[in-house]
Amino acid sequence: MELCSTNATDVGTNIKRILKDGKVEPAVRRPLGDCIEFYSTALDNVQDAMEAFRVKDYATALSDVGTAGIFADTCKDGFTEFGLDFGPLSKQHDDFFQLVIISLGIINKILGRPIILQ
């Protein structure tokens, strides 16, 4: 989960850098701005999950990590919905989502639940 937190922070920093670059098409500015909010919320969820995990509230940790993944995917959906290229964020998004899946798997293992890979 710590890697999820670091990755979400890096995504937010990358988005801000892209926006400051000035070479961004106007149509892409809005979804990028939305992504800053989505990844900020995802980061909050991951941090909440880390705290819940620390106090052994694994059900809450599982929920919070899953919610973080939903917010990250909502960022990507904002691009695909308008037929825009998600390219500059694709690798970081995919990395974040893989870290979410790994975190969910670990928490499910602790809870004694089966791990279902998709």
C-alpha atoms as a PDB file:
ATOM      1  CA  MET A   1       0.000   0.000   0.000  1.00  0.00           C
ATOM      2  CA  GLU A   2       2.921   2.317   0.563  1.00  0.00           C
ATOM      3  CA  LEU A   3       3.842   1.882  -3.098  1.00  0.00           C
ATOM      4  CA  CYS A   4       0.236   2.738  -4.038  1.00  0.00           C
ATOM      5  CA  SER A   5       0.555   5.925  -2.019  1.00  0.00           C
ATOM      6  CA  THR A   6       3.852   6.860  -3.651  1.00  0.00           C
ATOM      7  CA  ASN A   7       2.502   6.078  -7.110  1.00  0.00           C
ATOM      8  CA  ALA A   8      -0.674   8.144  -6.600  1.00  0.00           C
ATOM      9  CA  THR A   9       1.457  11.077  -5.459  1.00  0.00           C
ATOM     10  CA  ASP A  10       3.691  10.685  -8.517  1.00  0.00           C
ATOM     11  CA  VAL A  11       0.678  10.606 -10.848  1.00  0.00           C
ATOM     12  CA  GLY A  12      -0.614  13.864  -9.355  1.00  0.00           C
ATOM     13  CA  THR A  13       2.799  15.473  -9.752  1.00  0.00           C
ATOM     14  CA  ASN A  14       3.036  14.261 -13.354  1.00  0.00           C
ATOM     15  CA  ILE A  15      -0.404  15.659 -14.189  1.00  0.00           C
ATOM     16  CA  LYS A  16       0.520  19.055 -12.748  1.00  0.00           C
ATOM     17  CA  ARG A  17       3.740  19.010 -14.801  1.00  0.00           C
ATOM     18  CA  ILE A  18       1.807  18.185 -17.962  1.00  0.00           C
ATOM     19  CA  LEU A  19      -0.648  21.013 -17.309  1.00  0.00           C
ATOM     20  CA  LYS A  20       2.157  23.514 -16.687  1.00  0.00           C
ATOM     21  CA  ASP A  21       3.898  22.460 -19.897  1.00  0.00           C
ATOM     22  CA  GLY A  22       1.468  24.566 -21.906  1.00  0.00           C
ATOM     23  CA  LYS A  23       1.445  22.145 -24.842  1.00  0.00           C
ATOM     24  CA  VAL A  24      -1.753  20.472 -23.695  1.00  0.00           C
ATOM     25  CA  GLU A  25      -4.745  20.648 -25.985  1.00  0.00           C
ATOM     26  CA  PRO A  26      -7.678  22.537 -24.433  1.00  0.00           C
ATOM     27  CA  ALA A  27      -9.897  19.432 -24.647  1.00  0.00           C
ATOM     28  CA  VAL A  28      -7.413  17.496 -22.506  1.00  0.00           C
ATOM     29  CA  ARG A  29      -7.101  20.136 -19.767  1.00  0.00           C
ATOM     30  CA  ARG A  30     -10.441  19.354 -18.161  1.00  0.00           C
ATOM     31  CA  PRO A  31      -9.952  15.583 -17.831  1.00  0.00           C
ATOM     32  CA  LEU A  32      -6.423  16.198 -16.522  1.00  0.00           C
ATOM     33  CA  GLY A  33      -7.814  18.593 -13.923  1.00  0.00           C
ATOM     34  CA  ASP A  34     -10.405  15.984 -12.969  1.00  0.00           C
ATOM     35  CA  CYS A  35      -7.629  13.389 -12.684  1.00  0.00           C
ATOM     36  CA  ILE A  36      -5.797  15.543 -10.146  1.00  0.00           C
ATOM     37  CA  GLU A  37      -8.907  15.373  -7.969  1.00  0.00           C
ATOM     38  CA  PHE A  38      -9.474  11.657  -8.585  1.00  0.00           C
ATOM     39  CA  TYR A  39      -5.891  10.711  -7.747  1.00  0.00           C
ATOM     40  CA  SER A  40      -5.906  13.005  -4.713  1.00  0.00           C
ATOM     41  CA  THR A  41      -8.975  11.166  -3.452  1.00  0.00           C
ATOM     42  CA  ALA A  42      -7.382   7.826  -4.334  1.00  0.00           C
ATOM     43  CA  LEU A  43      -4.329   8.849  -2.314  1.00  0.00           C
ATOM     44  CA  ASP A  44      -6.550   9.737   0.660  1.00  0.00           C
ATOM     45  CA  ASN A  45      -8.210   6.335   0.371  1.00  0.00           C
ATOM     46  CA  VAL A  46      -4.884   4.513   0.256  1.00  0.00           C
ATOM     47  CA  GLN A  47      -3.663   6.417   3.321  1.00  0.00           C
ATOM     48  CA  ASP A  48      -6.897   5.548   5.140  1.00  0.00           C
ATOM     49  CA  ALA A  49      -6.392   1.921   4.111  1.00  0.00           C
ATOM     50  CA  MET A  50      -2.844   1.949   5.483  1.00  0.00           C
ATOM     51  CA  GLU A  51      -4.114   3.231   8.832  1.00  0.00           C
ATOM     52  CA  ALA A  52      -6.916   0.649   8.907  1.00  0.00           C
ATOM     53  CA  PHE A  53      -4.402  -2.080   8.065  1.00  0.00           C
ATOM     54  CA  ARG A  54      -2.099  -0.865  10.832  1.00  0.00           C
ATOM     55  CA  VAL A  55      -4.861  -1.320  13.413  1.00  0.00           C
ATOM     56  CA  LYS A  56      -5.858  -4.663  11.842  1.00  0.00           C
ATOM     57  CA  ASP A  57      -9.185  -3.395  10.486  1.00  0.00           C
ATOM     58  CA  TYR A  58      -8.689  -5.400   7.327  1.00  0.00           C
ATOM     59  CA  ALA A  59     -12.260  -5.064   6.042  1.00  0.00           C
ATOM     60  CA  THR A  60     -11.951  -1.280   6.038  1.00  0.00           C
ATOM     61  CA  ALA A  61      -8.496  -1.486   4.458  1.00  0.00           C
ATOM     62  CA  LEU A  62      -9.922  -3.697   1.713  1.00  0.00           C
ATOM     63  CA  SER A  63     -12.760  -1.282   1.051  1.00  0.00           C
ATOM     64  CA  ASP A  64     -10.505   1.778   1.025  1.00  0.00           C
ATOM     65  CA  VAL A  65      -7.981   0.225  -1.369  1.00  0.00           C
ATOM     66  CA  GLY A  66     -10.781  -0.889  -3.676  1.00  0.00           C
ATOM     67  CA  THR A  67     -12.240   2.612  -3.643  1.00  0.00           C
ATOM     68  CA  ALA A  68      -8.832   4.039  -4.549  1.00  0.00           C
ATOM     69  CA  GLY A  69      -8.795   1.814  -7.619  1.00  0.00           C
ATOM     70  CA  ILE A  70     -12.258   3.032  -8.618  1.00  0.00           C
ATOM     71  CA  PHE A  71     -11.166   6.670  -8.424  1.00  0.00           C
ATOM     72  CA  ALA A  72      -8.103   5.938 -10.565  1.00  0.00           C
ATOM     73  CA  ASP A  73     -10.246   4.211 -13.157  1.00  0.00           C
ATOM     74  CA  THR A  74     -12.644   7.160 -13.158  1.00  0.00           C
ATOM     75  CA  CYS A  75      -9.700   9.327 -14.204  1.00  0.00           C
ATOM     76  CA  LYS A  76      -9.073   7.093 -17.206  1.00  0.00           C
ATOM     77  CA  ASP A  77     -12.786   6.983 -18.037  1.00  0.00           C
ATOM     78  CA  GLY A  78     -12.782  10.772 -18.334  1.00  0.00           C
ATOM     79  CA  PHE A  79     -10.426  10.452 -21.279  1.00  0.00           C
ATOM     80  CA  THR A  80     -11.984   7.476 -23.018  1.00  0.00           C
ATOM     81  CA  GLU A  81     -15.474   8.949 -22.665  1.00  0.00           C
ATOM     82  CA  PHE A  82     -14.447  11.837 -24.906  1.00  0.00           C
ATOM     83  CA  GLY A  83     -12.236   9.775 -27.204  1.00  0.00           C
ATOM     84  CA  LEU A  84      -9.072  11.440 -25.890  1.00  0.00           C
ATOM     85  CA  ASP A  85      -5.618   9.895 -25.695  1.00  0.00           C
ATOM     86  CA  PHE A  86      -4.790   8.721 -22.172  1.00  0.00           C
ATOM     87  CA  GLY A  87      -1.223   7.992 -23.321  1.00  0.00           C
ATOM     88  CA  PRO A  88       0.817  10.260 -21.051  1.00  0.00           C
ATOM     89  CA  LEU A  89      -0.744   8.695 -17.958  1.00  0.00           C
ATOM     90  CA  SER A  90      -1.257   5.117 -19.154  1.00  0.00           C
ATOM     91  CA  LYS A  91       1.878   3.560 -17.653  1.00  0.00           C
ATOM     92  CA  GLN A  92       1.483   5.244 -14.271  1.00  0.00           C
ATOM     93  CA  HIS A  93      -2.216   4.420 -14.176  1.00  0.00           C
ATOM     94  CA  ASP A  94      -1.554   0.776 -15.042  1.00  0.00           C
ATOM     95  CA  ASP A  95       1.176   0.595 -12.399  1.00  0.00           C
ATOM     96  CA  PHE A  96      -1.155   2.097  -9.781  1.00  0.00           C
ATOM     97  CA  PHE A  97      -3.922  -0.307 -10.675  1.00  0.00           C
ATOM     98  CA  GLN A  98      -1.563  -3.302 -10.447  1.00  0.00           C
ATOM     99  CA  LEU A  99      -0.449  -2.127  -7.000  1.00  0.00           C
ATOM    100  CA  VAL A 100      -4.102  -1.850  -5.966  1.00  0.00           C
ATOM    101  CA  ILE A 101      -4.739  -5.421  -7.164  1.00  0.00           C
ATOM    102  CA  ILE A 102      -1.696  -6.692  -5.257  1.00  0.00           C
ATOM    103  CA  SER A 103      -2.805  -4.858  -2.102  1.00  0.00           C
ATOM    104  CA  LEU A 104      -6.329  -6.282  -2.423  1.00  0.00           C
ATOM    105  CA  GLY A 105      -4.861  -9.757  -2.845  1.00  0.00           C
ATOM    106  CA  ILE A 106      -2.712  -9.451   0.268  1.00  0.00           C
ATOM    107  CA  ILE A 107      -5.606  -8.168   2.374  1.00  0.00           C
ATOM    108  CA  ASN A 108      -7.915 -10.904   1.067  1.00  0.00           C
ATOM    109  CA  LYS A 109      -5.253 -13.489   1.920  1.00  0.00           C
ATOM    110  CA  ILE A 110      -5.070 -12.154   5.479  1.00  0.00           C
ATOM    111  CA  LEU A 111      -8.861 -12.309   5.686  1.00  0.00           C
ATOM    112  CA  GLY A 112      -8.730 -15.915   4.492  1.00  0.00           C
ATOM    113  CA  ARG A 113     -10.688 -15.124   1.342  1.00  0.00           C
ATOM    114  CA  PRO A 114      -9.897 -16.635  -2.038  1.00  0.00           C
ATOM    115  CA  ILE A 115      -7.817 -14.491  -4.344  1.00  0.00           C
ATOM    116  CA  ILE A 116      -9.407 -14.098  -7.751  1.00  0.00           C
ATOM    117  CA  LEU A 117      -7.102 -12.826 -10.480  1.00  0.00           C
ATOM    118  CA  GLN A 118      -8.620 -11.148 -13.489  1.00  0.00           C
END
